[in-house]
Amino acid sequence: MKRAREEEGEEEQEQEQAAPAPMVATPAHNPRLATAATWNDAVDFVQAVKHTFDRAKYLEFLDIVRQVDSIGISGIVDRVKVLFRGHPDLKSYFNMFLPEQYELSLTDDD
C-alpha cells in the first residue's frame, strides 16, 4: 500500500516535470531584454493594468490581447497604444514583451 502511494507520487512528479513551460520573452527572442521576462513579469504587468484602469478599460485590454490570432501583433500594438495613452509606465512594461520592431513610444506624440 505504501509503495503504491510512493509510485503515484513519483508519477505525479514526472507529469509535473513534463508540462511545457509557458512562452515568455527571453534575451534569445528579444536581445534588448537584459534578463528574460518571466511568467511572473506577465502576471505583474496584467495586475498593473488592472490597478491602473477601471474595470471596463481593463476588460478592453484583455479583449485586445485575446485577439492576437485574428489581428496580429501590430493590431494589438495599435490598439494598446491608444488604450495606454498617458501611461508611459505601462507602455514601457508592455514593451518588454514585444519584438523591438513593435516597441511603443513612451510619449503620446505618435
N, C-alpha and C. Protein backbone atom coordinates (compact mmCIF):
# COMPACT_ATOMS: atom_id res chain seq x y z
N MET A 1 0.83 -1.18 0.00
CA MET A 1 0.00 0.00 0.00
C MET A 1 0.88 1.25 0.00
N LYS A 2 1.89 1.26 0.90
CA LYS A 2 2.78 2.41 0.98
C LYS A 2 3.55 2.57 -0.33
N ARG A 3 3.99 1.47 -0.90
CA ARG A 3 4.74 1.50 -2.16
C ARG A 3 3.88 2.05 -3.30
N ALA A 4 2.59 1.72 -3.31
CA ALA A 4 1.68 2.21 -4.35
C ALA A 4 1.54 3.72 -4.26
N ARG A 5 1.46 4.26 -3.04
CA ARG A 5 1.37 5.71 -2.86
C ARG A 5 2.65 6.38 -3.31
N GLU A 6 3.80 5.76 -3.03
CA GLU A 6 5.08 6.32 -3.45
C GLU A 6 5.16 6.36 -4.97
N GLU A 7 4.70 5.29 -5.62
CA GLU A 7 4.72 5.24 -7.08
C GLU A 7 3.80 6.31 -7.67
N GLU A 8 2.64 6.52 -7.06
CA GLU A 8 1.72 7.56 -7.53
C GLU A 8 2.38 8.93 -7.40
N GLY A 9 3.07 9.16 -6.30
CA GLY A 9 3.77 10.42 -6.09
C GLY A 9 4.85 10.64 -7.12
N GLU A 10 5.57 9.58 -7.46
CA GLU A 10 6.62 9.67 -8.48
C GLU A 10 6.01 9.97 -9.84
N GLU A 11 4.88 9.35 -10.16
CA GLU A 11 4.21 9.61 -11.44
C GLU A 11 3.75 11.06 -11.53
N GLU A 12 3.20 11.58 -10.43
CA GLU A 12 2.75 12.98 -10.41
C GLU A 12 3.93 13.92 -10.63
N GLN A 13 5.08 13.63 -10.02
CA GLN A 13 6.26 14.46 -10.19
C GLN A 13 6.73 14.44 -11.64
N GLU A 14 6.71 13.25 -12.26
CA GLU A 14 7.12 13.13 -13.65
C GLU A 14 6.19 13.92 -14.56
N GLN A 15 4.89 13.88 -14.29
CA GLN A 15 3.93 14.62 -15.09
C GLN A 15 4.14 16.12 -14.94
N GLU A 16 4.40 16.58 -13.71
CA GLU A 16 4.65 18.00 -13.48
C GLU A 16 5.90 18.45 -14.22
N GLN A 17 6.94 17.62 -14.22
CA GLN A 17 8.17 17.98 -14.90
C GLN A 17 8.00 17.98 -16.41
N ALA A 18 7.10 17.17 -16.93
CA ALA A 18 6.89 17.06 -18.36
C ALA A 18 6.01 18.18 -18.92
N ALA A 19 5.32 18.93 -18.05
CA ALA A 19 4.44 20.00 -18.52
C ALA A 19 5.27 21.07 -19.22
N PRO A 20 4.80 21.54 -20.38
CA PRO A 20 5.57 22.55 -21.11
C PRO A 20 5.59 23.87 -20.36
N ALA A 21 6.71 24.55 -20.46
CA ALA A 21 6.84 25.86 -19.82
C ALA A 21 6.06 26.88 -20.64
N PRO A 22 5.48 27.89 -19.97
CA PRO A 22 4.76 28.92 -20.73
C PRO A 22 5.71 29.71 -21.60
N MET A 23 5.21 30.21 -22.71
CA MET A 23 6.01 31.02 -23.62
C MET A 23 6.22 32.40 -23.00
N VAL A 24 7.46 32.77 -22.83
CA VAL A 24 7.79 34.11 -22.34
C VAL A 24 8.93 34.66 -23.18
N ALA A 25 9.03 35.97 -23.18
CA ALA A 25 10.11 36.60 -23.92
C ALA A 25 11.43 36.32 -23.21
N THR A 26 12.46 36.03 -23.99
CA THR A 26 13.79 35.79 -23.44
C THR A 26 14.80 36.61 -24.24
N PRO A 27 16.00 36.79 -23.72
CA PRO A 27 17.01 37.50 -24.49
C PRO A 27 17.27 36.88 -25.86
N ALA A 28 17.09 35.56 -25.98
CA ALA A 28 17.27 34.92 -27.28
C ALA A 28 16.22 35.38 -28.28
N HIS A 29 14.98 35.59 -27.80
CA HIS A 29 13.91 36.06 -28.67
C HIS A 29 13.97 37.57 -28.86
N ASN A 30 14.44 38.27 -27.86
CA ASN A 30 14.44 39.73 -27.87
C ASN A 30 15.73 40.19 -27.20
N PRO A 31 16.80 40.43 -27.97
CA PRO A 31 18.10 40.73 -27.39
C PRO A 31 18.14 41.99 -26.53
N ARG A 32 17.16 42.88 -26.68
CA ARG A 32 17.20 44.10 -25.87
C ARG A 32 16.77 43.86 -24.43
N LEU A 33 16.29 42.66 -24.14
CA LEU A 33 15.94 42.33 -22.76
C LEU A 33 17.22 41.99 -22.00
N ALA A 34 17.46 42.69 -20.91
CA ALA A 34 18.64 42.40 -20.10
C ALA A 34 18.51 41.04 -19.43
N THR A 35 17.29 40.72 -19.02
CA THR A 35 17.01 39.42 -18.42
C THR A 35 15.73 38.89 -19.05
N ALA A 36 15.53 37.61 -18.93
CA ALA A 36 14.33 37.00 -19.50
C ALA A 36 13.08 37.47 -18.76
N ALA A 37 12.06 37.81 -19.52
CA ALA A 37 10.76 38.11 -18.92
C ALA A 37 10.18 36.78 -18.46
N THR A 38 9.62 36.78 -17.29
CA THR A 38 9.11 35.55 -16.72
C THR A 38 7.59 35.56 -16.71
N TRP A 39 7.04 34.43 -16.37
CA TRP A 39 5.59 34.33 -16.22
C TRP A 39 5.13 35.33 -15.16
N ASN A 40 5.91 35.46 -14.09
CA ASN A 40 5.56 36.41 -13.03
C ASN A 40 5.58 37.84 -13.53
N ASP A 41 6.51 38.17 -14.45
CA ASP A 41 6.52 39.50 -15.05
C ASP A 41 5.21 39.76 -15.79
N ALA A 42 4.75 38.77 -16.51
CA ALA A 42 3.49 38.92 -17.25
C ALA A 42 2.32 39.10 -16.29
N VAL A 43 2.29 38.33 -15.24
CA VAL A 43 1.21 38.44 -14.25
C VAL A 43 1.27 39.82 -13.59
N ASP A 44 2.47 40.26 -13.22
CA ASP A 44 2.62 41.58 -12.59
C ASP A 44 2.16 42.69 -13.53
N PHE A 45 2.48 42.55 -14.82
CA PHE A 45 2.07 43.55 -15.80
C PHE A 45 0.55 43.61 -15.90
N VAL A 46 -0.10 42.48 -16.01
CA VAL A 46 -1.56 42.45 -16.10
C VAL A 46 -2.18 43.03 -14.83
N GLN A 47 -1.58 42.76 -13.69
CA GLN A 47 -2.08 43.34 -12.43
C GLN A 47 -1.90 44.86 -12.43
N ALA A 48 -0.80 45.35 -12.99
CA ALA A 48 -0.58 46.80 -13.08
C ALA A 48 -1.65 47.45 -13.95
N VAL A 49 -1.98 46.79 -15.06
CA VAL A 49 -3.05 47.30 -15.94
C VAL A 49 -4.37 47.31 -15.17
N LYS A 50 -4.64 46.25 -14.46
CA LYS A 50 -5.90 46.14 -13.70
C LYS A 50 -6.02 47.24 -12.66
N HIS A 51 -4.92 47.54 -11.98
CA HIS A 51 -4.96 48.55 -10.92
C HIS A 51 -4.93 49.97 -11.46
N THR A 52 -4.50 50.15 -12.71
CA THR A 52 -4.43 51.49 -13.31
C THR A 52 -5.78 51.92 -13.85
N PHE A 53 -6.50 51.01 -14.44
CA PHE A 53 -7.74 51.34 -15.14
C PHE A 53 -8.98 50.86 -14.39
N ASP A 54 -10.11 51.43 -14.80
CA ASP A 54 -11.37 50.92 -14.28
C ASP A 54 -11.66 49.56 -14.93
N ARG A 55 -12.67 48.91 -14.46
CA ARG A 55 -12.98 47.55 -14.93
C ARG A 55 -13.21 47.49 -16.44
N ALA A 56 -13.92 48.47 -16.99
CA ALA A 56 -14.22 48.46 -18.42
C ALA A 56 -12.95 48.53 -19.26
N LYS A 57 -12.02 49.42 -18.89
CA LYS A 57 -10.77 49.54 -19.65
C LYS A 57 -9.89 48.31 -19.47
N TYR A 58 -9.89 47.75 -18.27
CA TYR A 58 -9.12 46.53 -18.03
C TYR A 58 -9.65 45.39 -18.90
N LEU A 59 -10.96 45.23 -18.94
CA LEU A 59 -11.55 44.18 -19.79
C LEU A 59 -11.30 44.44 -21.26
N GLU A 60 -11.28 45.71 -21.65
CA GLU A 60 -10.95 46.06 -23.04
C GLU A 60 -9.52 45.60 -23.35
N PHE A 61 -8.60 45.84 -22.43
CA PHE A 61 -7.22 45.39 -22.62
C PHE A 61 -7.16 43.88 -22.80
N LEU A 62 -7.84 43.15 -21.94
CA LEU A 62 -7.85 41.69 -22.06
C LEU A 62 -8.43 41.24 -23.39
N ASP A 63 -9.50 41.89 -23.84
CA ASP A 63 -10.09 41.55 -25.14
C ASP A 63 -9.11 41.80 -26.28
N ILE A 64 -8.39 42.90 -26.20
CA ILE A 64 -7.41 43.21 -27.24
C ILE A 64 -6.35 42.12 -27.31
N VAL A 65 -5.80 41.75 -26.17
CA VAL A 65 -4.72 40.76 -26.14
C VAL A 65 -5.21 39.39 -26.62
N ARG A 66 -6.45 39.07 -26.33
CA ARG A 66 -7.00 37.77 -26.77
C ARG A 66 -7.16 37.68 -28.29
N GLN A 67 -7.12 38.81 -28.95
CA GLN A 67 -7.33 38.84 -30.40
C GLN A 67 -6.04 38.64 -31.20
N VAL A 68 -4.97 38.22 -30.57
CA VAL A 68 -3.68 38.10 -31.24
C VAL A 68 -3.77 37.24 -32.50
N ASP A 69 -4.56 36.18 -32.48
CA ASP A 69 -4.66 35.32 -33.66
C ASP A 69 -5.38 35.98 -34.82
N SER A 70 -6.31 36.87 -34.53
CA SER A 70 -7.07 37.50 -35.61
C SER A 70 -6.50 38.84 -36.07
N ILE A 71 -5.90 39.61 -35.16
CA ILE A 71 -5.40 40.94 -35.56
C ILE A 71 -3.88 41.03 -35.56
N GLY A 72 -3.21 40.04 -35.04
CA GLY A 72 -1.75 40.01 -35.04
C GLY A 72 -1.14 40.99 -34.05
N ILE A 73 0.18 40.92 -33.95
CA ILE A 73 0.88 41.77 -33.00
C ILE A 73 0.72 43.24 -33.35
N SER A 74 0.82 43.59 -34.63
CA SER A 74 0.70 45.00 -35.00
C SER A 74 -0.68 45.55 -34.66
N GLY A 75 -1.72 44.75 -34.81
CA GLY A 75 -3.07 45.18 -34.44
C GLY A 75 -3.19 45.40 -32.94
N ILE A 76 -2.59 44.50 -32.18
CA ILE A 76 -2.61 44.65 -30.73
C ILE A 76 -1.87 45.91 -30.32
N VAL A 77 -0.68 46.11 -30.90
CA VAL A 77 0.12 47.28 -30.56
C VAL A 77 -0.64 48.56 -30.88
N ASP A 78 -1.28 48.62 -32.04
CA ASP A 78 -2.04 49.82 -32.41
C ASP A 78 -3.15 50.12 -31.40
N ARG A 79 -3.84 49.10 -30.96
CA ARG A 79 -4.94 49.30 -30.00
C ARG A 79 -4.45 49.60 -28.59
N VAL A 80 -3.39 48.91 -28.19
CA VAL A 80 -2.84 49.15 -26.85
C VAL A 80 -2.24 50.56 -26.77
N LYS A 81 -1.64 51.02 -27.87
CA LYS A 81 -1.08 52.36 -27.90
C LYS A 81 -2.13 53.40 -27.55
N VAL A 82 -3.33 53.25 -28.09
CA VAL A 82 -4.43 54.17 -27.79
C VAL A 82 -4.89 53.99 -26.34
N LEU A 83 -5.04 52.77 -25.92
CA LEU A 83 -5.51 52.48 -24.56
C LEU A 83 -4.54 53.00 -23.49
N PHE A 84 -3.24 52.90 -23.76
CA PHE A 84 -2.22 53.29 -22.79
C PHE A 84 -1.78 54.74 -22.93
N ARG A 85 -2.47 55.53 -23.74
CA ARG A 85 -2.12 56.94 -23.90
C ARG A 85 -2.10 57.60 -22.52
N GLY A 86 -1.00 58.31 -22.23
CA GLY A 86 -0.84 58.97 -20.95
C GLY A 86 -0.28 58.08 -19.85
N HIS A 87 0.11 56.87 -20.21
CA HIS A 87 0.65 55.92 -19.23
C HIS A 87 1.98 55.35 -19.73
N PRO A 88 3.04 56.16 -19.73
CA PRO A 88 4.33 55.67 -20.23
C PRO A 88 4.86 54.49 -19.43
N ASP A 89 4.50 54.40 -18.16
CA ASP A 89 4.95 53.27 -17.35
C ASP A 89 4.38 51.95 -17.89
N LEU A 90 3.11 51.96 -18.27
CA LEU A 90 2.52 50.74 -18.83
C LEU A 90 3.08 50.44 -20.22
N LYS A 91 3.31 51.50 -21.00
CA LYS A 91 3.91 51.30 -22.33
C LYS A 91 5.29 50.64 -22.20
N SER A 92 6.08 51.15 -21.27
CA SER A 92 7.41 50.61 -21.06
C SER A 92 7.34 49.14 -20.62
N TYR A 93 6.44 48.86 -19.72
CA TYR A 93 6.24 47.49 -19.23
C TYR A 93 5.80 46.58 -20.38
N PHE A 94 4.86 47.05 -21.20
CA PHE A 94 4.36 46.27 -22.34
C PHE A 94 5.48 45.98 -23.33
N ASN A 95 6.39 46.95 -23.51
CA ASN A 95 7.49 46.79 -24.46
C ASN A 95 8.38 45.60 -24.14
N MET A 96 8.48 45.23 -22.88
CA MET A 96 9.38 44.12 -22.54
C MET A 96 8.89 42.78 -23.11
N PHE A 97 7.65 42.74 -23.56
CA PHE A 97 7.10 41.50 -24.13
C PHE A 97 7.02 41.53 -25.66
N LEU A 98 7.45 42.66 -26.25
CA LEU A 98 7.31 42.84 -27.69
C LEU A 98 8.64 42.71 -28.42
N PRO A 99 8.59 42.22 -29.66
CA PRO A 99 9.79 42.31 -30.50
C PRO A 99 10.11 43.80 -30.73
N GLU A 100 11.37 44.12 -30.91
CA GLU A 100 11.82 45.51 -30.99
C GLU A 100 11.08 46.32 -32.05
N GLN A 101 10.78 45.74 -33.18
CA GLN A 101 10.13 46.49 -34.26
C GLN A 101 8.72 46.96 -33.90
N TYR A 102 8.13 46.41 -32.84
CA TYR A 102 6.78 46.79 -32.43
C TYR A 102 6.76 47.68 -31.19
N GLU A 103 7.94 48.05 -30.71
CA GLU A 103 8.04 48.82 -29.46
C GLU A 103 7.19 50.09 -29.50
N LEU A 104 6.47 50.33 -28.40
CA LEU A 104 5.66 51.53 -28.26
C LEU A 104 6.54 52.71 -27.86
N SER A 105 6.27 53.88 -28.42
CA SER A 105 6.91 55.10 -27.99
C SER A 105 6.39 55.46 -26.61
N LEU A 106 7.25 55.94 -25.76
CA LEU A 106 6.82 56.28 -24.40
C LEU A 106 6.14 57.65 -24.32
N THR A 107 6.19 58.40 -25.42
CA THR A 107 5.47 59.67 -25.47
C THR A 107 4.15 59.44 -26.18
N ASP A 108 3.26 60.41 -26.09
CA ASP A 108 1.97 60.30 -26.75
C ASP A 108 1.94 61.06 -28.07
N ASP A 109 3.12 61.33 -28.64
CA ASP A 109 3.21 62.11 -29.86
C ASP A 109 2.85 61.31 -31.12
N ASP A 110 2.84 60.01 -31.02
CA ASP A 110 2.59 59.20 -32.22
C ASP A 110 1.14 58.87 -32.41
